[in-house]
């Protein structure tokens, strides 16, 4: 399983297919709807930030499953985890566990 975090640096120059899939998954994970006005289905809703952590995790997982099927079918979502950094400020990171399939 490959782990990708929302605070990881994105590699904009992938050297192979595995790095390309990781880059694409990282982009799907990091882009909010307010940042992507022409293709809102690609990004997640930033209103989730103010919700209960269980609701955030469930909605985020649902969104990511749909987004992976549509935009990066080579990635299979295996795990979604929210890591609280600061509960007072509701600051958290999202960590995904993925498997890469159909690499030629």
PDB file of N, CA and C in Angstrom:
ATOM      1  N   UNK A   1       0.842  -1.169   0.000  1.00  0.00           N
ATOM      2  CA  UNK A   1       0.000   0.000   0.000  1.00  0.00           C
ATOM      3  C   UNK A   1       0.892   1.238   0.000  1.00  0.00           C
ATOM      4  N   UNK A   2       0.484   2.236  -0.724  1.00  0.00           N
ATOM      5  CA  UNK A   2       1.208   3.508  -0.827  1.00  0.00           C
ATOM      6  C   UNK A   2       0.418   4.550  -0.038  1.00  0.00           C
ATOM      7  N   UNK A   3       1.111   5.325   0.776  1.00  0.00           N
ATOM      8  CA  UNK A   3       0.452   6.353   1.579  1.00  0.00           C
ATOM      9  C   UNK A   3       0.732   7.730   0.991  1.00  0.00           C
ATOM     10  N   UNK A   4      -0.339   8.510   0.882  1.00  0.00           N
ATOM     11  CA  UNK A   4      -0.247   9.868   0.358  1.00  0.00           C
ATOM     12  C   UNK A   4      -0.925  10.779   1.359  1.00  0.00           C
ATOM     13  N   UNK A   5      -0.272  11.880   1.700  1.00  0.00           N
ATOM     14  CA  UNK A   5      -0.802  12.797   2.692  1.00  0.00           C
ATOM     15  C   UNK A   5      -1.111  14.147   2.053  1.00  0.00           C
ATOM     16  N   UNK A   6      -2.069  14.843   2.627  1.00  0.00           N
ATOM     17  CA  UNK A   6      -2.453  16.152   2.094  1.00  0.00           C
ATOM     18  C   UNK A   6      -1.360  17.192   2.280  1.00  0.00           C
ATOM     19  N   UNK A   7      -0.390  16.925   3.147  1.00  0.00           N
ATOM     20  CA  UNK A   7       0.689  17.896   3.350  1.00  0.00           C
ATOM     21  C   UNK A   7       1.959  17.526   2.590  1.00  0.00           C
ATOM     22  N   UNK A   8       1.903  16.449   1.803  1.00  0.00           N
ATOM     23  CA  UNK A   8       3.062  16.029   1.019  1.00  0.00           C
ATOM     24  C   UNK A   8       3.290  16.961  -0.159  1.00  0.00           C
ATOM     25  N   UNK A   9       4.536  17.118  -0.518  1.00  0.00           N
ATOM     26  CA  UNK A   9       4.871  17.907  -1.703  1.00  0.00           C
ATOM     27  C   UNK A   9       4.483  17.120  -2.954  1.00  0.00           C
ATOM     28  N   UNK A  10       3.943  17.813  -3.942  1.00  0.00           N
ATOM     29  CA  UNK A  10       3.528  17.155  -5.181  1.00  0.00           C
ATOM     30  C   UNK A  10       4.674  17.203  -6.182  1.00  0.00           C
ATOM     31  N   UNK A  11       4.936  16.077  -6.798  1.00  0.00           N
ATOM     32  CA  UNK A  11       5.984  15.949  -7.803  1.00  0.00           C
ATOM     33  C   UNK A  11       5.385  16.332  -9.167  1.00  0.00           C
ATOM     34  N   UNK A  12       5.718  17.493  -9.671  1.00  0.00           N
ATOM     35  CA  UNK A  12       5.158  17.956 -10.936  1.00  0.00           C
ATOM     36  C   UNK A  12       5.916  17.430 -12.153  1.00  0.00           C
ATOM     37  N   UNK A  13       6.922  16.629 -11.916  1.00  0.00           N
ATOM     38  CA  UNK A  13       7.684  16.034 -13.008  1.00  0.00           C
ATOM     39  C   UNK A  13       7.878  14.536 -12.741  1.00  0.00           C
ATOM     40  N   UNK A  14       6.777  13.748 -12.802  1.00  0.00           N
ATOM     41  CA  UNK A  14       6.901  12.322 -12.505  1.00  0.00           C
ATOM     42  C   UNK A  14       7.758  11.610 -13.547  1.00  0.00           C
ATOM     43  N   UNK A  15       8.584  10.685 -13.063  1.00  0.00           N
ATOM     44  CA  UNK A  15       9.508   9.965 -13.939  1.00  0.00           C
ATOM     45  C   UNK A  15       8.969   8.627 -14.420  1.00  0.00           C
ATOM     46  N   UNK A  16       7.907   8.135 -13.772  1.00  0.00           N
ATOM     47  CA  UNK A  16       7.327   6.853 -14.193  1.00  0.00           C
ATOM     48  C   UNK A  16       5.837   6.852 -13.886  1.00  0.00           C
ATOM     49  N   UNK A  17       5.179   5.769 -14.237  1.00  0.00           N
ATOM     50  CA  UNK A  17       3.727   5.685 -14.088  1.00  0.00           C
ATOM     51  C   UNK A  17       3.314   5.717 -12.624  1.00  0.00           C
ATOM     52  N   UNK A  18       4.052   5.077 -11.758  1.00  0.00           N
ATOM     53  CA  UNK A  18       3.723   5.074 -10.338  1.00  0.00           C
ATOM     54  C   UNK A  18       3.765   6.486  -9.759  1.00  0.00           C
ATOM     55  N   UNK A  19       4.789   7.238 -10.080  1.00  0.00           N
ATOM     56  CA  UNK A  19       4.878   8.624  -9.618  1.00  0.00           C
ATOM     57  C   UNK A  19       3.761   9.476 -10.213  1.00  0.00           C
ATOM     58  N   UNK A  20       3.374   9.198 -11.448  1.00  0.00           N
ATOM     59  CA  UNK A  20       2.287   9.930 -12.092  1.00  0.00           C
ATOM     60  C   UNK A  20       0.965   9.701 -11.361  1.00  0.00           C
ATOM     61  N   UNK A  21       0.693   8.458 -11.000  1.00  0.00           N
ATOM     62  CA  UNK A  21      -0.535   8.142 -10.266  1.00  0.00           C
ATOM     63  C   UNK A  21      -0.521   8.839  -8.911  1.00  0.00           C
ATOM     64  N   UNK A  22       0.607   8.808  -8.207  1.00  0.00           N
ATOM     65  CA  UNK A  22       0.715   9.472  -6.915  1.00  0.00           C
ATOM     66  C   UNK A  22       0.507  10.979  -7.051  1.00  0.00           C
ATOM     67  N   UNK A  23       1.025  11.578  -8.101  1.00  0.00           N
ATOM     68  CA  UNK A  23       0.830  13.003  -8.355  1.00  0.00           C
ATOM     69  C   UNK A  23      -0.642  13.316  -8.578  1.00  0.00           C
ATOM     70  N   UNK A  24      -1.302  12.505  -9.400  1.00  0.00           N
ATOM     71  CA  UNK A  24      -2.719  12.731  -9.689  1.00  0.00           C
ATOM     72  C   UNK A  24      -3.581  12.584  -8.442  1.00  0.00           C
ATOM     73  N   UNK A  25      -3.301  11.578  -7.631  1.00  0.00           N
ATOM     74  CA  UNK A  25      -4.050  11.381  -6.390  1.00  0.00           C
ATOM     75  C   UNK A  25      -3.814  12.556  -5.445  1.00  0.00           C
ATOM     76  N   UNK A  26      -2.592  13.017  -5.362  1.00  0.00           N
ATOM     77  CA  UNK A  26      -2.285  14.177  -4.528  1.00  0.00           C
ATOM     78  C   UNK A  26      -3.043  15.417  -4.967  1.00  0.00           C
ATOM     79  N   UNK A  27      -3.170  15.610  -6.256  1.00  0.00           N
ATOM     80  CA  UNK A  27      -3.925  16.759  -6.767  1.00  0.00           C
ATOM     81  C   UNK A  27      -5.405  16.642  -6.436  1.00  0.00           C
ATOM     82  N   UNK A  28      -5.967  15.446  -6.602  1.00  0.00           N
ATOM     83  CA  UNK A  28      -7.376  15.240  -6.263  1.00  0.00           C
ATOM     84  C   UNK A  28      -7.600  15.523  -4.782  1.00  0.00           C
ATOM     85  N   UNK A  29      -6.673  15.124  -3.958  1.00  0.00           N
ATOM     86  CA  UNK A  29      -6.793  15.288  -2.510  1.00  0.00           C
ATOM     87  C   UNK A  29      -6.680  16.746  -2.071  1.00  0.00           C
ATOM     88  N   UNK A  30      -5.912  17.542  -2.764  1.00  0.00           N
ATOM     89  CA  UNK A  30      -5.595  18.890  -2.291  1.00  0.00           C
ATOM     90  C   UNK A  30      -6.439  20.018  -2.869  1.00  0.00           C
ATOM     91  N   UNK A  31      -7.182  19.793  -3.921  1.00  0.00           N
ATOM     92  CA  UNK A  31      -7.885  20.883  -4.591  1.00  0.00           C
ATOM     93  C   UNK A  31      -9.296  21.047  -4.023  1.00  0.00           C
ATOM     94  N   UNK A  32      -9.629  22.280  -3.627  1.00  0.00           N
ATOM     95  CA  UNK A  32     -10.971  22.611  -3.123  1.00  0.00           C
ATOM     96  C   UNK A  32     -11.815  23.174  -4.264  1.00  0.00           C
ATOM     97  N   UNK A  33     -13.134  23.116  -4.107  1.00  0.00           N
ATOM     98  CA  UNK A  33     -14.040  23.606  -5.149  1.00  0.00           C
ATOM     99  C   UNK A  33     -13.827  25.081  -5.462  1.00  0.00           C
ATOM    100  N   UNK A  34     -13.480  25.863  -4.457  1.00  0.00           N
ATOM    101  CA  UNK A  34     -13.256  27.293  -4.687  1.00  0.00           C
ATOM    102  C   UNK A  34     -12.030  27.545  -5.557  1.00  0.00           C
ATOM    103  N   UNK A  35     -11.124  26.580  -5.602  1.00  0.00           N
ATOM    104  CA  UNK A  35      -9.910  26.719  -6.396  1.00  0.00           C
ATOM    105  C   UNK A  35     -10.073  26.175  -7.807  1.00  0.00           C
ATOM    106  N   UNK A  36     -11.162  25.502  -8.078  1.00  0.00           N
ATOM    107  CA  UNK A  36     -11.373  24.815  -9.358  1.00  0.00           C
ATOM    108  C   UNK A  36     -12.742  25.194  -9.918  1.00  0.00           C
ATOM    109  N   UNK A  37     -12.930  26.423 -10.390  1.00  0.00           N
ATOM    110  CA  UNK A  37     -14.264  26.874 -10.790  1.00  0.00           C
ATOM    111  C   UNK A  37     -14.816  26.214 -12.054  1.00  0.00           C
ATOM    112  N   UNK A  38     -13.978  25.715 -12.931  1.00  0.00           N
ATOM    113  CA  UNK A  38     -14.478  25.168 -14.189  1.00  0.00           C
ATOM    114  C   UNK A  38     -14.797  23.678 -14.128  1.00  0.00           C
ATOM    115  N   UNK A  39     -14.318  22.998 -13.122  1.00  0.00           N
ATOM    116  CA  UNK A  39     -14.560  21.564 -13.011  1.00  0.00           C
ATOM    117  C   UNK A  39     -14.746  21.196 -11.544  1.00  0.00           C
ATOM    118  N   UNK A  40     -15.882  21.542 -10.994  1.00  0.00           N
ATOM    119  CA  UNK A  40     -16.113  21.386  -9.553  1.00  0.00           C
ATOM    120  C   UNK A  40     -16.223  19.937  -9.101  1.00  0.00           C
ATOM    121  N   UNK A  41     -16.527  19.008  -9.991  1.00  0.00           N
ATOM    122  CA  UNK A  41     -16.594  17.596  -9.606  1.00  0.00           C
ATOM    123  C   UNK A  41     -15.220  17.043  -9.271  1.00  0.00           C
ATOM    124  N   UNK A  42     -14.185  17.663  -9.788  1.00  0.00           N
ATOM    125  CA  UNK A  42     -12.825  17.201  -9.552  1.00  0.00           C
ATOM    126  C   UNK A  42     -12.400  17.398  -8.102  1.00  0.00           C
ATOM    127  N   UNK A  43     -12.876  18.444  -7.495  1.00  0.00           N
ATOM    128  CA  UNK A  43     -12.375  18.844  -6.190  1.00  0.00           C
ATOM    129  C   UNK A  43     -13.370  18.546  -5.071  1.00  0.00           C
ATOM    130  N   UNK A  44     -12.887  18.619  -3.826  1.00  0.00           N
ATOM    131  CA  UNK A  44     -13.782  18.371  -2.699  1.00  0.00           C
ATOM    132  C   UNK A  44     -14.318  19.670  -2.130  1.00  0.00           C
ATOM    133  N   UNK A  45     -15.403  19.558  -1.402  1.00  0.00           N
ATOM    134  CA  UNK A  45     -16.100  20.710  -0.847  1.00  0.00           C
ATOM    135  C   UNK A  45     -15.405  21.177   0.427  1.00  0.00           C
ATOM    136  N   UNK A  46     -14.911  22.394   0.446  1.00  0.00           N
ATOM    137  CA  UNK A  46     -14.188  22.901   1.612  1.00  0.00           C
ATOM    138  C   UNK A  46     -15.117  23.162   2.797  1.00  0.00           C
ATOM    139  N   UNK A  47     -16.430  23.126   2.602  1.00  0.00           N
ATOM    140  CA  UNK A  47     -17.370  23.275   3.712  1.00  0.00           C
ATOM    141  C   UNK A  47     -17.263  22.109   4.688  1.00  0.00           C
ATOM    142  N   UNK A  48     -16.639  21.019   4.266  1.00  0.00           N
ATOM    143  CA  UNK A  48     -16.454  19.879   5.152  1.00  0.00           C
ATOM    144  C   UNK A  48     -15.578  20.218   6.347  1.00  0.00           C
ATOM    145  N   UNK A  49     -14.752  21.205   6.219  1.00  0.00           N
ATOM    146  CA  UNK A  49     -13.798  21.548   7.271  1.00  0.00           C
ATOM    147  C   UNK A  49     -14.504  21.894   8.579  1.00  0.00           C
ATOM    148  N   UNK A  50     -15.714  22.436   8.501  1.00  0.00           N
ATOM    149  CA  UNK A  50     -16.442  22.844   9.702  1.00  0.00           C
ATOM    150  C   UNK A  50     -17.335  21.749  10.275  1.00  0.00           C
ATOM    151  N   UNK A  51     -17.321  20.583   9.704  1.00  0.00           N
ATOM    152  CA  UNK A  51     -18.191  19.488  10.146  1.00  0.00           C
ATOM    153  C   UNK A  51     -17.489  18.613  11.191  1.00  0.00           C
ATOM    154  N   UNK A  52     -18.277  17.741  11.784  1.00  0.00           N
ATOM    155  CA  UNK A  52     -17.756  16.736  12.710  1.00  0.00           C
ATOM    156  C   UNK A  52     -16.764  15.851  11.982  1.00  0.00           C
ATOM    157  N   UNK A  53     -15.735  15.415  12.662  1.00  0.00           N
ATOM    158  CA  UNK A  53     -14.647  14.664  12.028  1.00  0.00           C
ATOM    159  C   UNK A  53     -15.135  13.370  11.384  1.00  0.00           C
ATOM    160  N   UNK A  54     -16.127  12.709  11.971  1.00  0.00           N
ATOM    161  CA  UNK A  54     -16.663  11.480  11.379  1.00  0.00           C
ATOM    162  C   UNK A  54     -17.394  11.764  10.071  1.00  0.00           C
ATOM    163  N   UNK A  55     -18.117  12.868  10.025  1.00  0.00           N
ATOM    164  CA  UNK A  55     -18.815  13.263   8.797  1.00  0.00           C
ATOM    165  C   UNK A  55     -17.805  13.613   7.713  1.00  0.00           C
ATOM    166  N   UNK A  56     -16.754  14.330   8.099  1.00  0.00           N
ATOM    167  CA  UNK A  56     -15.709  14.698   7.140  1.00  0.00           C
ATOM    168  C   UNK A  56     -15.084  13.447   6.534  1.00  0.00           C
ATOM    169  N   UNK A  57     -14.720  12.492   7.371  1.00  0.00           N
ATOM    170  CA  UNK A  57     -14.071  11.278   6.885  1.00  0.00           C
ATOM    171  C   UNK A  57     -14.982  10.490   5.947  1.00  0.00           C
ATOM    172  N   UNK A  58     -16.262  10.354   6.303  1.00  0.00           N
ATOM    173  CA  UNK A  58     -17.197   9.606   5.458  1.00  0.00           C
ATOM    174  C   UNK A  58     -17.453  10.296   4.122  1.00  0.00           C
ATOM    175  N   UNK A  59     -17.691  11.590   4.150  1.00  0.00           N
ATOM    176  CA  UNK A  59     -17.954  12.320   2.900  1.00  0.00           C
ATOM    177  C   UNK A  59     -16.708  12.398   2.020  1.00  0.00           C
ATOM    178  N   UNK A  60     -15.576  12.569   2.640  1.00  0.00           N
ATOM    179  CA  UNK A  60     -14.330  12.625   1.884  1.00  0.00           C
ATOM    180  C   UNK A  60     -14.048  11.288   1.207  1.00  0.00           C
ATOM    181  N   UNK A  61     -14.249  10.196   1.934  1.00  0.00           N
ATOM    182  CA  UNK A  61     -14.046   8.870   1.354  1.00  0.00           C
ATOM    183  C   UNK A  61     -14.984   8.649   0.180  1.00  0.00           C
ATOM    184  N   UNK A  62     -16.239   9.023   0.330  1.00  0.00           N
ATOM    185  CA  UNK A  62     -17.211   8.884  -0.760  1.00  0.00           C
ATOM    186  C   UNK A  62     -16.798   9.700  -1.981  1.00  0.00           C
ATOM    187  N   UNK A  63     -16.386  10.938  -1.745  1.00  0.00           N
ATOM    188  CA  UNK A  63     -15.948  11.794  -2.854  1.00  0.00           C
ATOM    189  C   UNK A  63     -14.717  11.207  -3.551  1.00  0.00           C
ATOM    190  N   UNK A  64     -13.756  10.739  -2.760  1.00  0.00           N
ATOM    191  CA  UNK A  64     -12.521  10.214  -3.342  1.00  0.00           C
ATOM    192  C   UNK A  64     -12.771   8.958  -4.164  1.00  0.00           C
ATOM    193  N   UNK A  65     -13.665   8.102  -3.709  1.00  0.00           N
ATOM    194  CA  UNK A  65     -13.988   6.899  -4.490  1.00  0.00           C
ATOM    195  C   UNK A  65     -14.527   7.273  -5.868  1.00  0.00           C
ATOM    196  N   UNK A  66     -15.432   8.252  -5.896  1.00  0.00           N
ATOM    197  CA  UNK A  66     -15.989   8.707  -7.185  1.00  0.00           C
ATOM    198  C   UNK A  66     -14.919   9.388  -8.041  1.00  0.00           C
ATOM    199  N   UNK A  67     -14.117  10.235  -7.420  1.00  0.00           N
ATOM    200  CA  UNK A  67     -13.089  10.968  -8.165  1.00  0.00           C
ATOM    201  C   UNK A  67     -12.044  10.015  -8.744  1.00  0.00           C
ATOM    202  N   UNK A  68     -11.651   9.000  -7.981  1.00  0.00           N
ATOM    203  CA  UNK A  68     -10.664   8.038  -8.490  1.00  0.00           C
ATOM    204  C   UNK A  68     -11.231   7.273  -9.675  1.00  0.00           C
ATOM    205  N   UNK A  69     -12.482   6.874  -9.587  1.00  0.00           N
ATOM    206  CA  UNK A  69     -13.090   6.145 -10.717  1.00  0.00           C
ATOM    207  C   UNK A  69     -13.093   7.002 -11.979  1.00  0.00           C
ATOM    208  N   UNK A  70     -13.346   8.290 -11.811  1.00  0.00           N
ATOM    209  CA  UNK A  70     -13.470   9.169 -12.976  1.00  0.00           C
ATOM    210  C   UNK A  70     -12.124   9.716 -13.468  1.00  0.00           C
ATOM    211  N   UNK A  71     -11.275  10.178 -12.564  1.00  0.00           N
ATOM    212  CA  UNK A  71     -10.070  10.905 -12.957  1.00  0.00           C
ATOM    213  C   UNK A  71      -8.767  10.103 -12.847  1.00  0.00           C
ATOM    214  N   UNK A  72      -8.729   9.104 -11.984  1.00  0.00           N
ATOM    215  CA  UNK A  72      -7.510   8.300 -11.847  1.00  0.00           C
ATOM    216  C   UNK A  72      -7.887   6.853 -11.535  1.00  0.00           C
ATOM    217  N   UNK A  73      -8.364   6.123 -12.550  1.00  0.00           N
ATOM    218  CA  UNK A  73      -8.813   4.743 -12.328  1.00  0.00           C
ATOM    219  C   UNK A  73      -7.678   3.768 -12.009  1.00  0.00           C
ATOM    220  N   UNK A  74      -6.438   4.200 -12.172  1.00  0.00           N
ATOM    221  CA  UNK A  74      -5.308   3.328 -11.825  1.00  0.00           C
ATOM    222  C   UNK A  74      -5.073   3.257 -10.320  1.00  0.00           C
ATOM    223  N   UNK A  75      -5.722   4.132  -9.551  1.00  0.00           N
ATOM    224  CA  UNK A  75      -5.575   4.148  -8.094  1.00  0.00           C
ATOM    225  C   UNK A  75      -6.820   3.552  -7.452  1.00  0.00           C
ATOM    226  N   UNK A  76      -6.597   2.703  -6.489  1.00  0.00           N
ATOM    227  CA  UNK A  76      -7.683   2.082  -5.738  1.00  0.00           C
ATOM    228  C   UNK A  76      -7.556   2.516  -4.277  1.00  0.00           C
ATOM    229  N   UNK A  77      -8.588   3.193  -3.771  1.00  0.00           N
ATOM    230  CA  UNK A  77      -8.562   3.699  -2.403  1.00  0.00           C
ATOM    231  C   UNK A  77      -8.763   2.554  -1.417  1.00  0.00           C
ATOM    232  N   UNK A  78      -7.835   2.407  -0.494  1.00  0.00           N
ATOM    233  CA  UNK A  78      -7.896   1.338   0.504  1.00  0.00           C
ATOM    234  C   UNK A  78      -8.128   1.871   1.909  1.00  0.00           C
ATOM    235  N   UNK A  79      -7.691   3.104   2.167  1.00  0.00           N
ATOM    236  CA  UNK A  79      -7.789   3.638   3.520  1.00  0.00           C
ATOM    237  C   UNK A  79      -7.844   5.157   3.474  1.00  0.00           C
ATOM    238  N   UNK A  80      -8.699   5.739   4.309  1.00  0.00           N
ATOM    239  CA  UNK A  80      -8.745   7.184   4.496  1.00  0.00           C
ATOM    240  C   UNK A  80      -8.605   7.446   5.984  1.00  0.00           C
ATOM    241  N   UNK A  81      -7.684   8.304   6.337  1.00  0.00           N
ATOM    242  CA  UNK A  81      -7.469   8.599   7.745  1.00  0.00           C
ATOM    243  C   UNK A  81      -7.269  10.095   7.930  1.00  0.00           C
ATOM    244  N   UNK A  82      -7.923  10.642   8.926  1.00  0.00           N
ATOM    245  CA  UNK A  82      -7.756  12.055   9.244  1.00  0.00           C
ATOM    246  C   UNK A  82      -6.910  12.153  10.510  1.00  0.00           C
ATOM    247  N   UNK A  83      -5.857  12.920  10.411  1.00  0.00           N
ATOM    248  CA  UNK A  83      -4.931  13.073  11.523  1.00  0.00           C
ATOM    249  C   UNK A  83      -5.083  14.496  12.065  1.00  0.00           C
ATOM    250  N   UNK A  84      -5.583  14.608  13.285  1.00  0.00           N
ATOM    251  CA  UNK A  84      -5.776  15.919  13.893  1.00  0.00           C
ATOM    252  C   UNK A  84      -4.430  16.485  14.339  1.00  0.00           C
ATOM    253  N   UNK A  85      -4.123  17.693  13.880  1.00  0.00           N
ATOM    254  CA  UNK A  85      -2.891  18.368  14.278  1.00  0.00           C
ATOM    255  C   UNK A  85      -3.162  19.353  15.413  1.00  0.00           C
ATOM    256  N   UNK A  86      -4.308  20.042  15.322  1.00  0.00           N
ATOM    257  CA  UNK A  86      -4.670  21.033  16.335  1.00  0.00           C
ATOM    258  C   UNK A  86      -6.195  21.045  16.454  1.00  0.00           C
ATOM    259  N   UNK A  87      -6.730  20.452  17.513  1.00  0.00           N
ATOM    260  CA  UNK A  87      -8.187  20.369  17.654  1.00  0.00           C
ATOM    261  C   UNK A  87      -8.811  21.734  17.928  1.00  0.00           C
ATOM    262  N   UNK A  88      -8.076  22.637  18.548  1.00  0.00           N
ATOM    263  CA  UNK A  88      -8.620  23.958  18.834  1.00  0.00           C
ATOM    264  C   UNK A  88      -8.896  24.735  17.543  1.00  0.00           C
ATOM    265  N   UNK A  89      -7.993  24.655  16.583  1.00  0.00           N
ATOM    266  CA  UNK A  89      -8.144  25.355  15.310  1.00  0.00           C
ATOM    267  C   UNK A  89      -8.722  24.476  14.207  1.00  0.00           C
ATOM    268  N   UNK A  90      -9.085  23.244  14.554  1.00  0.00           N
ATOM    269  CA  UNK A  90      -9.632  22.285  13.586  1.00  0.00           C
ATOM    270  C   UNK A  90      -8.669  22.095  12.410  1.00  0.00           C
ATOM    271  N   UNK A  91      -7.403  21.937  12.726  1.00  0.00           N
ATOM    272  CA  UNK A  91      -6.364  21.752  11.717  1.00  0.00           C
ATOM    273  C   UNK A  91      -6.029  20.270  11.620  1.00  0.00           C
ATOM    274  N   UNK A  92      -6.129  19.739  10.422  1.00  0.00           N
ATOM    275  CA  UNK A  92      -5.888  18.307  10.244  1.00  0.00           C
ATOM    276  C   UNK A  92      -5.233  18.013   8.908  1.00  0.00           C
ATOM    277  N   UNK A  93      -4.623  16.848   8.824  1.00  0.00           N
ATOM    278  CA  UNK A  93      -4.085  16.324   7.571  1.00  0.00           C
ATOM    279  C   UNK A  93      -4.915  15.111   7.180  1.00  0.00           C
ATOM    280  N   UNK A  94      -4.961  14.837   5.901  1.00  0.00           N
ATOM    281  CA  UNK A  94      -5.657  13.663   5.392  1.00  0.00           C
ATOM    282  C   UNK A  94      -4.606  12.723   4.841  1.00  0.00           C
ATOM    283  N   UNK A  95      -4.686  11.463   5.253  1.00  0.00           N
ATOM    284  CA  UNK A  95      -3.754  10.459   4.762  1.00  0.00           C
ATOM    285  C   UNK A  95      -4.545   9.368   4.052  1.00  0.00           C
ATOM    286  N   UNK A  96      -4.122   9.055   2.841  1.00  0.00           N
ATOM    287  CA  UNK A  96      -4.780   8.017   2.046  1.00  0.00           C
ATOM    288  C   UNK A  96      -3.846   6.839   1.870  1.00  0.00           C
ATOM    289  N   UNK A  97      -4.425   5.663   1.910  1.00  0.00           N
ATOM    290  CA  UNK A  97      -3.713   4.459   1.539  1.00  0.00           C
ATOM    291  C   UNK A  97      -4.282   3.987   0.220  1.00  0.00           C
ATOM    292  N   UNK A  98      -3.437   3.887  -0.799  1.00  0.00           N
ATOM    293  CA  UNK A  98      -3.919   3.491  -2.124  1.00  0.00           C
ATOM    294  C   UNK A  98      -3.107   2.298  -2.637  1.00  0.00           C
ATOM    295  N   UNK A  99      -3.697   1.602  -3.574  1.00  0.00           N
ATOM    296  CA  UNK A  99      -2.989   0.617  -4.345  1.00  0.00           C
ATOM    297  C   UNK A  99      -3.076   1.035  -5.805  1.00  0.00           C
ATOM    298  N   UNK A 100      -2.004   0.864  -6.518  1.00  0.00           N
ATOM    299  CA  UNK A 100      -1.968   1.225  -7.928  1.00  0.00           C
ATOM    300  C   UNK A 100      -2.204  -0.041  -8.751  1.00  0.00           C
ATOM    301  N   UNK A 101      -3.182   0.040  -9.641  1.00  0.00           N
ATOM    302  CA  UNK A 101      -3.547  -1.102 -10.471  1.00  0.00           C
ATOM    303  C   UNK A 101      -3.451  -0.718 -11.940  1.00  0.00           C
ATOM    304  N   UNK A 102      -3.377  -1.694 -12.791  1.00  0.00           N
ATOM    305  CA  UNK A 102      -3.371  -1.499 -14.251  1.00  0.00           C
ATOM    306  C   UNK A 102      -2.194  -0.672 -14.753  1.00  0.00           C
ATOM    307  N   UNK A 103      -1.028  -0.877 -14.183  1.00  0.00           N
ATOM    308  CA  UNK A 103       0.164  -0.214 -14.708  1.00  0.00           C
ATOM    309  C   UNK A 103       0.724  -1.089 -15.810  1.00  0.00           C
ATOM    310  N   UNK A 104       0.947  -0.493 -16.942  1.00  0.00           N
ATOM    311  CA  UNK A 104       1.469  -1.235 -18.090  1.00  0.00           C
ATOM    312  C   UNK A 104       2.959  -1.107 -18.212  1.00  0.00           C
TER     313      UNK A 104
END
